């Protein structure tokens, strides 16, 4: 008989005391009774994040922030099992997904990676339209077949093996308040600006197309053509402020170029 496949759950954190307990509670069934481990790579939290991780029996490593992809790859390197489940600290594994993962790990012959749909929550509402559902993410995989691609933001797993899909979703408690969303988009737009600079060899001129027309087109496409208006007031706010994020990204890229110039 083949030995059971054990799982390493990997999470990167920074000041996530409001979310981490919920995330760790959702994976207890996957790692209990020596079925796996939890790896938390923290980047210097000043709240109770590390304390909460220790309370759940996680293996905690505190490291200087290196970027999203590099931080997650560092967590992968610390895993003692080949199969990893990569989660953000504000995500939650549903009971159905936990059962699916447990069953898959017991299957002798299976693909080396699985895309999991993500149910994104905004101001407490599940956003079902506008491109936010099913939002599949490659989160369960054999770490010998893939790593996170080195990008400043929106990091994805670069994979070189057969993949499949899981039906049960991850819950993403992304933005419970507008302040959370604005704070995140401010940070993400700065990272996005760096990516724009890299793609243009550092030459980003002031462009009405990028700062005005591109955000407007983004809003019209997601809100109307991709039916974002069906998500009510929350959908309106989400797509409106997402278009503002696009404008910020290109404006910040121009600002970086202007300062260098």
Protein backbone atom coordinates (compact mmCIF):
# COMPACT_ATOMS: atom_id res chain seq x y z
CA UNK A 1 0.00 0.00 0.00
CA UNK A 2 1.24 3.48 -0.90
CA UNK A 3 1.81 5.88 2.02
CA UNK A 4 -0.82 8.65 2.36
CA UNK A 5 -0.04 11.95 0.66
CA UNK A 6 0.42 14.73 3.20
CA UNK A 7 -0.23 18.41 2.56
CA UNK A 8 1.61 21.64 3.32
CA UNK A 9 -0.64 24.70 3.62
CA UNK A 10 1.42 27.84 2.89
CA UNK A 11 0.39 31.39 3.82
CA UNK A 12 2.23 34.70 3.76
CA UNK A 13 1.17 37.34 6.28
CA UNK A 14 1.59 40.90 7.46
CA UNK A 15 -0.73 42.28 10.15
CA UNK A 16 -3.51 39.78 9.44
CA UNK A 17 -4.91 39.23 12.94
CA UNK A 18 -8.42 40.07 11.69
CA UNK A 19 -8.32 37.28 9.08
CA UNK A 20 -5.75 34.64 9.92
CA UNK A 21 -7.69 32.77 12.60
CA UNK A 22 -10.58 32.15 10.19
CA UNK A 23 -8.20 30.92 7.50
CA UNK A 24 -6.33 28.55 9.79
CA UNK A 25 -9.54 27.20 11.31
CA UNK A 26 -10.76 26.32 7.79
CA UNK A 27 -7.74 24.08 7.08
CA UNK A 28 -7.54 22.27 10.43
CA UNK A 29 -9.23 19.16 9.06
CA UNK A 30 -6.67 18.97 6.22
CA UNK A 31 -3.59 18.95 8.46
CA UNK A 32 -4.77 17.40 11.74
CA UNK A 33 -3.72 13.91 12.87
CA UNK A 34 -0.36 14.20 11.07
CA UNK A 35 -2.04 14.70 7.69
CA UNK A 36 -0.03 17.83 7.00
CA UNK A 37 1.48 21.09 8.20
CA UNK A 38 0.90 24.84 8.05
CA UNK A 39 3.74 27.12 6.94
CA UNK A 40 3.37 30.84 7.71
CA UNK A 41 5.96 33.29 6.37
CA UNK A 42 5.42 36.62 8.11
CA UNK A 43 7.02 39.91 7.09
CA UNK A 44 7.27 41.60 10.47
CA UNK A 45 3.69 41.91 11.71
CA UNK A 46 3.17 44.28 14.63
CA UNK A 47 -0.20 42.86 15.67
CA UNK A 48 -1.19 39.35 16.93
CA UNK A 49 -0.63 37.59 13.60
CA UNK A 50 2.34 35.50 14.75
CA UNK A 51 0.66 34.70 18.07
CA UNK A 52 -2.44 33.41 16.25
CA UNK A 53 -0.35 31.32 13.85
CA UNK A 54 1.53 29.73 16.74
CA UNK A 55 -1.75 28.98 18.54
CA UNK A 56 -2.83 26.88 15.54
CA UNK A 57 0.45 24.96 15.54
CA UNK A 58 1.82 26.60 12.39
CA UNK A 59 5.51 26.67 11.60
CA UNK A 60 6.21 30.40 11.59
CA UNK A 61 9.11 32.11 9.83
CA UNK A 62 9.66 35.86 10.05
CA UNK A 63 11.45 37.30 7.02
CA UNK A 64 12.02 40.67 5.42
CA UNK A 65 9.47 41.47 2.71
CA UNK A 66 10.81 40.43 -0.72
CA UNK A 67 7.69 40.83 -2.87
CA UNK A 68 4.58 38.69 -3.22
CA UNK A 69 6.02 36.02 -5.52
CA UNK A 70 9.35 35.76 -3.73
CA UNK A 71 7.64 35.55 -0.34
CA UNK A 72 5.34 32.75 -1.51
CA UNK A 73 8.23 30.87 -3.11
CA UNK A 74 10.07 31.13 0.18
CA UNK A 75 7.08 29.47 1.87
CA UNK A 76 7.10 26.72 -0.77
CA UNK A 77 10.79 26.07 -0.09
CA UNK A 78 10.04 25.54 3.60
CA UNK A 79 7.33 22.94 2.98
CA UNK A 80 8.29 19.36 3.85
CA UNK A 81 5.59 17.86 1.59
CA UNK A 82 5.46 17.99 -2.19
CA UNK A 83 1.75 18.83 -2.31
CA UNK A 84 1.01 22.40 -1.24
CA UNK A 85 -2.14 24.46 -0.84
CA UNK A 86 -1.32 28.15 -1.23
CA UNK A 87 -3.74 30.53 0.51
CA UNK A 88 -3.91 34.25 1.12
CA UNK A 89 -4.48 35.24 4.73
CA UNK A 90 -7.95 36.61 3.91
CA UNK A 91 -9.14 33.40 2.23
CA UNK A 92 -11.15 30.54 3.68
CA UNK A 93 -11.40 26.90 2.60
CA UNK A 94 -15.05 25.86 2.45
CA UNK A 95 -16.03 22.50 4.04
CA UNK A 96 -16.83 21.12 0.58
CA UNK A 97 -13.43 22.17 -0.74
CA UNK A 98 -11.69 20.58 2.27
CA UNK A 99 -13.47 17.31 1.52
CA UNK A 100 -12.55 17.52 -2.17
CA UNK A 101 -8.88 18.15 -1.39
CA UNK A 102 -8.78 15.31 1.12
CA UNK A 103 -10.26 12.92 -1.44
CA UNK A 104 -7.90 14.08 -4.21
CA UNK A 105 -4.82 13.56 -2.07
CA UNK A 106 -5.88 9.95 -1.55
CA UNK A 107 -6.22 9.36 -5.29
CA UNK A 108 -3.13 7.47 -6.59
CA UNK A 109 -3.22 8.83 -10.14
CA UNK A 110 -4.04 12.53 -10.51
CA UNK A 111 -2.89 15.71 -12.27
CA UNK A 112 -0.07 17.65 -10.65
CA UNK A 113 -2.11 20.82 -10.11
CA UNK A 114 -5.68 21.97 -9.56
CA UNK A 115 -7.42 25.26 -10.31
CA UNK A 116 -9.85 26.27 -7.55
CA UNK A 117 -12.65 28.82 -8.14
CA UNK A 118 -12.57 31.83 -5.83
CA UNK A 119 -15.72 33.45 -4.48
CA UNK A 120 -14.77 37.12 -4.06
CA UNK A 121 -16.60 39.10 -1.39
CA UNK A 122 -16.88 42.90 -1.56
CA UNK A 123 -18.54 44.83 1.28
CA UNK A 124 -19.99 41.49 2.41
CA UNK A 125 -21.53 40.62 -0.98
CA UNK A 126 -20.49 37.78 -3.28
CA UNK A 127 -19.53 39.41 -6.59
CA UNK A 128 -20.81 37.04 -9.29
CA UNK A 129 -20.35 39.13 -12.42
CA UNK A 130 -17.97 41.56 -14.07
CA UNK A 131 -15.21 38.97 -14.39
CA UNK A 132 -14.96 38.24 -10.65
CA UNK A 133 -16.47 34.75 -10.80
CA UNK A 134 -15.41 31.95 -11.04
CA UNK A 135 -11.92 33.54 -10.86
CA UNK A 136 -9.99 30.21 -11.00
CA UNK A 137 -6.61 30.13 -9.24
CA UNK A 138 -3.97 27.40 -9.34
CA UNK A 139 -3.61 26.88 -5.59
CA UNK A 140 -3.29 23.12 -5.04
CA UNK A 141 -0.22 21.67 -6.75
CA UNK A 142 2.87 19.52 -6.57
CA UNK A 143 5.62 21.99 -5.78
CA UNK A 144 8.13 20.06 -7.90
CA UNK A 145 6.15 21.13 -10.97
CA UNK A 146 5.68 24.84 -10.41
CA UNK A 147 6.58 28.05 -8.60
CA UNK A 148 5.21 31.57 -8.46
CA UNK A 149 6.28 33.73 -11.37
CA UNK A 150 8.36 36.72 -10.32
CA UNK A 151 5.98 39.67 -10.76
CA UNK A 152 5.43 42.76 -8.61
CA UNK A 153 1.70 42.08 -8.26
CA UNK A 154 -0.99 39.58 -9.42
CA UNK A 155 1.52 36.76 -9.00
CA UNK A 156 0.57 33.42 -10.56
CA UNK A 157 2.01 29.92 -10.48
CA UNK A 158 4.15 29.08 -13.50
CA UNK A 159 3.33 25.42 -14.06
CA UNK A 160 4.75 22.78 -16.38
CA UNK A 161 2.49 19.77 -15.77
CA UNK A 162 -1.08 18.56 -16.27
CA UNK A 163 -3.78 20.47 -14.38
CA UNK A 164 -7.48 19.99 -13.61
CA UNK A 165 -10.31 21.92 -11.94
CA UNK A 166 -12.04 21.63 -8.58
CA UNK A 167 -15.70 22.69 -8.30
CA UNK A 168 -15.85 23.72 -4.63
CA UNK A 169 -14.62 27.29 -4.04
CA UNK A 170 -12.29 29.26 -1.83
CA UNK A 171 -14.01 32.15 -0.04
CA UNK A 172 -12.09 35.40 -0.50
CA UNK A 173 -12.99 37.93 2.20
CA UNK A 174 -11.16 40.56 0.24
CA UNK A 175 -12.61 43.97 1.04
CA UNK A 176 -15.02 44.20 3.97
CA UNK A 177 -14.93 48.03 3.87
CA UNK A 178 -14.33 50.72 1.26
CA UNK A 179 -11.32 51.89 3.25
CA UNK A 180 -9.77 48.43 2.89
CA UNK A 181 -10.34 48.49 -0.86
CA UNK A 182 -8.91 51.99 -1.35
CA UNK A 183 -5.87 51.11 0.77
CA UNK A 184 -5.22 47.94 -1.23
CA UNK A 185 -5.71 49.64 -4.60
CA UNK A 186 -3.37 52.44 -3.60
CA UNK A 187 -0.66 49.88 -2.85
CA UNK A 188 -1.44 47.69 -5.87
CA UNK A 189 -1.46 50.66 -8.25
CA UNK A 190 2.05 51.57 -7.08
CA UNK A 191 3.21 48.02 -7.80
CA UNK A 192 1.36 48.08 -11.11
CA UNK A 193 3.13 51.31 -12.01
CA UNK A 194 6.46 49.57 -11.51
CA UNK A 195 5.34 46.83 -13.92
CA UNK A 196 4.34 49.45 -16.49
CA UNK A 197 7.77 51.05 -16.12
CA UNK A 198 9.46 47.70 -16.67
CA UNK A 199 7.42 46.98 -19.82
CA UNK A 200 8.17 50.39 -21.34
CA UNK A 201 11.87 50.52 -20.40
CA UNK A 202 11.11 53.31 -17.95
CA UNK A 203 9.61 55.69 -20.51
CA UNK A 204 6.01 56.56 -19.67
CA UNK A 205 4.71 59.82 -21.07
CA UNK A 206 1.58 61.55 -19.83
CA UNK A 207 -1.28 59.94 -21.76
CA UNK A 208 -4.95 60.91 -21.68
CA UNK A 209 -5.67 57.52 -23.22
CA UNK A 210 -4.14 55.66 -20.28
CA UNK A 211 -5.27 57.99 -17.50
CA UNK A 212 -8.81 58.76 -18.71
CA UNK A 213 -9.98 56.65 -21.65
CA UNK A 214 -8.53 53.29 -20.59
CA UNK A 215 -10.16 53.46 -17.10
CA UNK A 216 -13.46 54.52 -18.70
CA UNK A 217 -13.31 51.61 -21.15
CA UNK A 218 -12.51 49.25 -18.26
CA UNK A 219 -15.59 50.39 -16.37
CA UNK A 220 -17.90 50.14 -19.39
CA UNK A 221 -16.60 46.68 -20.31
CA UNK A 222 -16.84 45.16 -16.83
CA UNK A 223 -19.96 46.93 -15.60
CA UNK A 224 -22.10 46.69 -18.71
CA UNK A 225 -20.75 44.05 -21.11
CA UNK A 226 -19.71 41.63 -18.34
CA UNK A 227 -22.92 42.35 -16.39
CA UNK A 228 -21.31 43.89 -13.32
CA UNK A 229 -24.47 45.97 -12.81
CA UNK A 230 -26.26 42.77 -11.69
CA UNK A 231 -24.27 42.92 -8.43
CA UNK A 232 -26.19 45.97 -7.24
CA UNK A 233 -24.68 48.89 -5.39
CA UNK A 234 -21.64 46.87 -4.39
CA UNK A 235 -21.00 46.05 -8.05
CA UNK A 236 -21.23 49.71 -9.02
CA UNK A 237 -18.76 50.77 -6.34
CA UNK A 238 -16.36 47.93 -7.11
CA UNK A 239 -16.15 48.59 -10.84
CA UNK A 240 -16.12 52.36 -10.41
CA UNK A 241 -13.16 52.24 -8.03
CA UNK A 242 -11.43 49.52 -10.04
CA UNK A 243 -11.41 51.90 -13.00
CA UNK A 244 -9.90 54.54 -10.70
CA UNK A 245 -7.17 52.01 -9.84
CA UNK A 246 -6.34 51.71 -13.56
CA UNK A 247 -6.02 55.48 -13.79
CA UNK A 248 -3.83 55.61 -10.68
CA UNK A 249 -1.53 52.91 -12.08
CA UNK A 250 -0.71 54.82 -15.26
CA UNK A 251 -0.57 58.19 -13.50
CA UNK A 252 1.91 56.78 -10.97
CA UNK A 253 3.97 55.25 -13.78
CA UNK A 254 4.17 58.67 -15.44
CA UNK A 255 5.10 60.21 -12.07
CA UNK A 256 7.94 57.70 -11.65
CA UNK A 257 9.23 58.45 -15.15
CA UNK A 258 8.91 62.20 -14.56
CA UNK A 259 10.92 61.98 -11.33
CA UNK A 260 13.64 59.93 -13.01
CA UNK A 261 13.75 62.32 -15.90
